[in-house]
Structures are given as structure tokens and as C-alpha cells.
Amino acid sequence: MALELNGTTIETNEAGHLLELSDWSKELAEVMAAADNIELTEKHWDLINFLREEYIENNQTQPNTRKIVKAMSDAWGEKISQRDVYDLFPGDPSKQGGKIAGLPESRRKGGY
């Protein structure tokens, strides 16, 4: 499977995850989100940036939903629930969010 962006073909695996982390860009994230019928808002970008920072700066860590909820509660200055992050990425905040963030496919069973 592949994505097209500005005349460039970007390779993905069968699930739509980038094969190369370096291929990711905000513009590509918009394309990937649109394919999943998601319009990215500031809160989406907060979550995407958190996932990328965790992966890139913390030994390729892909946080579970519990850690995402805690981090976004801190970032947004309000107590949020698991439902709030699933409203952003209905296909699972860590998995669908991770895909749009350009991260490799998570192999953990994940969730909360």
C-alpha cells in the first residue's frame, strides 16, 4: 500500500502505517487523517505530538490509552476521560493516532 503526496509515493504497510518514520510530515498526517474521515483539530495535534515525542525521545515507547489520557489531561489543564481521546481517534487513540503520527504499527494488545 502507498500514499501519494505532492507527486511523491510514500510506502506504508498493509494497515497504512509508514514504513519510514522520516517520511512523516504534518501535510501527510492531514492526508492520512482525511482517509480515516478525521479533521485534525488543535487537540488532535496535541495528541499526535505527544505520541511522536514519546516514540522518538523515549526509546520507541508507544503509550497506552491510560497514559494518553493522563498526558492530555495535563496538557489541556482539565480532567478528561478515555471517551474524550476516543472521540478524537475512534479507531483507538494509541493505534489510529499513532498511525497518523507516522509511528510503526503497535504490536501490543493495548487499550486501557
Protein backbone atom coordinates (compact mmCIF):
# COMPACT_ATOMS: atom_id res chain seq x y z
CA MET A 1 0.00 0.00 0.00
CA ALA A 2 1.19 3.53 -0.66
CA LEU A 3 0.14 7.15 -0.22
CA GLU A 4 0.59 9.95 -2.74
CA LEU A 5 1.62 13.41 -1.59
CA ASN A 6 2.70 16.18 -3.95
CA GLY A 7 3.64 13.68 -6.64
CA THR A 8 5.69 11.54 -4.26
CA THR A 9 4.79 7.96 -3.41
CA ILE A 10 5.16 7.13 0.28
CA GLU A 11 5.21 3.48 1.20
CA THR A 12 3.07 2.05 4.01
CA ASN A 13 2.36 -1.41 5.34
CA GLU A 14 -0.98 -3.16 4.74
CA ALA A 15 -2.52 -1.36 7.74
CA GLY A 16 -1.47 2.07 6.43
CA HIS A 17 1.47 2.70 8.79
CA LEU A 18 4.52 4.40 7.32
CA LEU A 19 7.48 2.15 6.62
CA GLU A 20 9.90 5.04 7.28
CA LEU A 21 9.42 7.40 10.23
CA SER A 22 11.31 10.08 8.28
CA ASP A 23 8.57 10.15 5.60
CA TRP A 24 6.13 11.76 8.05
CA SER A 25 5.07 15.38 7.76
CA LYS A 26 2.14 17.42 9.03
CA GLU A 27 0.84 17.58 5.48
CA LEU A 28 0.97 13.78 5.20
CA ALA A 29 -0.77 13.46 8.59
CA GLU A 30 -3.63 15.57 7.19
CA VAL A 31 -3.91 13.20 4.21
CA MET A 32 -3.86 10.13 6.46
CA ALA A 33 -6.46 11.63 8.81
CA ALA A 34 -8.73 12.57 5.90
CA ALA A 35 -8.57 8.96 4.70
CA ASP A 36 -9.95 7.98 8.13
CA ASN A 37 -12.61 10.74 7.96
CA ILE A 38 -10.91 12.77 10.69
CA GLU A 39 -10.45 16.52 10.53
CA LEU A 40 -7.45 17.38 12.69
CA THR A 41 -8.01 20.00 15.38
CA GLU A 42 -5.60 21.50 17.90
CA LYS A 43 -6.43 18.67 20.34
CA HIS A 44 -5.65 16.07 17.67
CA TRP A 45 -2.29 17.75 17.10
CA ASP A 46 -1.58 17.78 20.85
CA LEU A 47 -2.14 14.03 20.96
CA ILE A 48 -0.17 13.39 17.75
CA ASN A 49 2.77 15.47 19.01
CA PHE A 50 2.69 13.64 22.35
CA LEU A 51 2.77 10.25 20.60
CA ARG A 52 5.67 11.33 18.38
CA GLU A 53 7.65 12.75 21.31
CA GLU A 54 7.13 9.59 23.36
CA TYR A 55 8.26 7.41 20.48
CA ILE A 56 11.21 9.49 19.30
CA GLU A 57 12.52 10.67 22.68
CA ASN A 58 11.68 7.70 24.93
CA ASN A 59 13.18 4.61 23.34
CA GLN A 60 10.34 3.99 20.88
CA THR A 61 7.65 3.97 23.58
CA GLN A 62 4.09 3.78 22.30
CA PRO A 63 1.89 4.82 25.24
CA ASN A 64 -1.38 3.11 26.07
CA THR A 65 -4.68 4.92 26.43
CA ARG A 66 -4.30 5.42 30.17
CA LYS A 67 -1.01 7.28 29.70
CA ILE A 68 -2.51 9.30 26.83
CA VAL A 69 -5.49 10.35 28.99
CA LYS A 70 -3.17 11.46 31.79
CA ALA A 71 -0.87 13.38 29.44
CA MET A 72 -3.74 15.12 27.63
CA SER A 73 -5.40 15.99 30.96
CA ASP A 74 -2.14 17.66 31.97
CA ALA A 75 -1.70 19.36 28.58
CA TRP A 76 -5.26 20.67 28.43
CA GLY A 77 -5.49 21.60 32.11
CA GLU A 78 -8.67 19.63 32.68
CA LYS A 79 -9.61 16.14 33.77
CA ILE A 80 -10.60 14.15 30.71
CA SER A 81 -11.80 10.60 30.23
CA GLN A 82 -10.94 7.76 27.93
CA ARG A 83 -14.03 8.69 25.91
CA ASP A 84 -12.55 12.14 25.16
CA VAL A 85 -9.50 10.70 23.42
CA TYR A 86 -11.59 8.05 21.64
CA ASP A 87 -13.76 10.91 20.32
CA LEU A 88 -10.60 12.25 18.66
CA PHE A 89 -9.40 8.89 17.30
CA PRO A 90 -12.30 6.38 17.32
CA GLY A 91 -10.06 3.62 15.97
CA ASP A 92 -8.04 3.74 19.24
CA PRO A 93 -6.03 6.80 20.27
CA SER A 94 -2.75 4.90 20.52
CA LYS A 95 -3.19 2.87 17.34
CA GLN A 96 -5.07 5.17 14.96
CA GLY A 97 -3.41 8.23 16.47
CA GLY A 98 -0.04 6.50 16.17
CA LYS A 99 -0.65 5.69 12.52
CA ILE A 100 -1.49 9.33 11.73
CA ALA A 101 1.56 10.37 13.79
CA GLY A 102 3.71 8.28 11.44
CA LEU A 103 4.66 5.65 14.00
CA PRO A 104 5.16 1.95 13.30
CA GLU A 105 2.24 -0.35 13.90
CA SER A 106 1.87 -1.17 17.58
CA ARG A 107 2.02 -4.87 18.40
CA ARG A 108 0.63 -4.64 21.91
CA LYS A 109 -2.96 -5.60 22.59
CA GLY A 110 -3.33 -2.11 24.01
CA GLY A 111 -6.30 -0.14 25.14
CA TYR A 112 -6.71 0.91 28.71
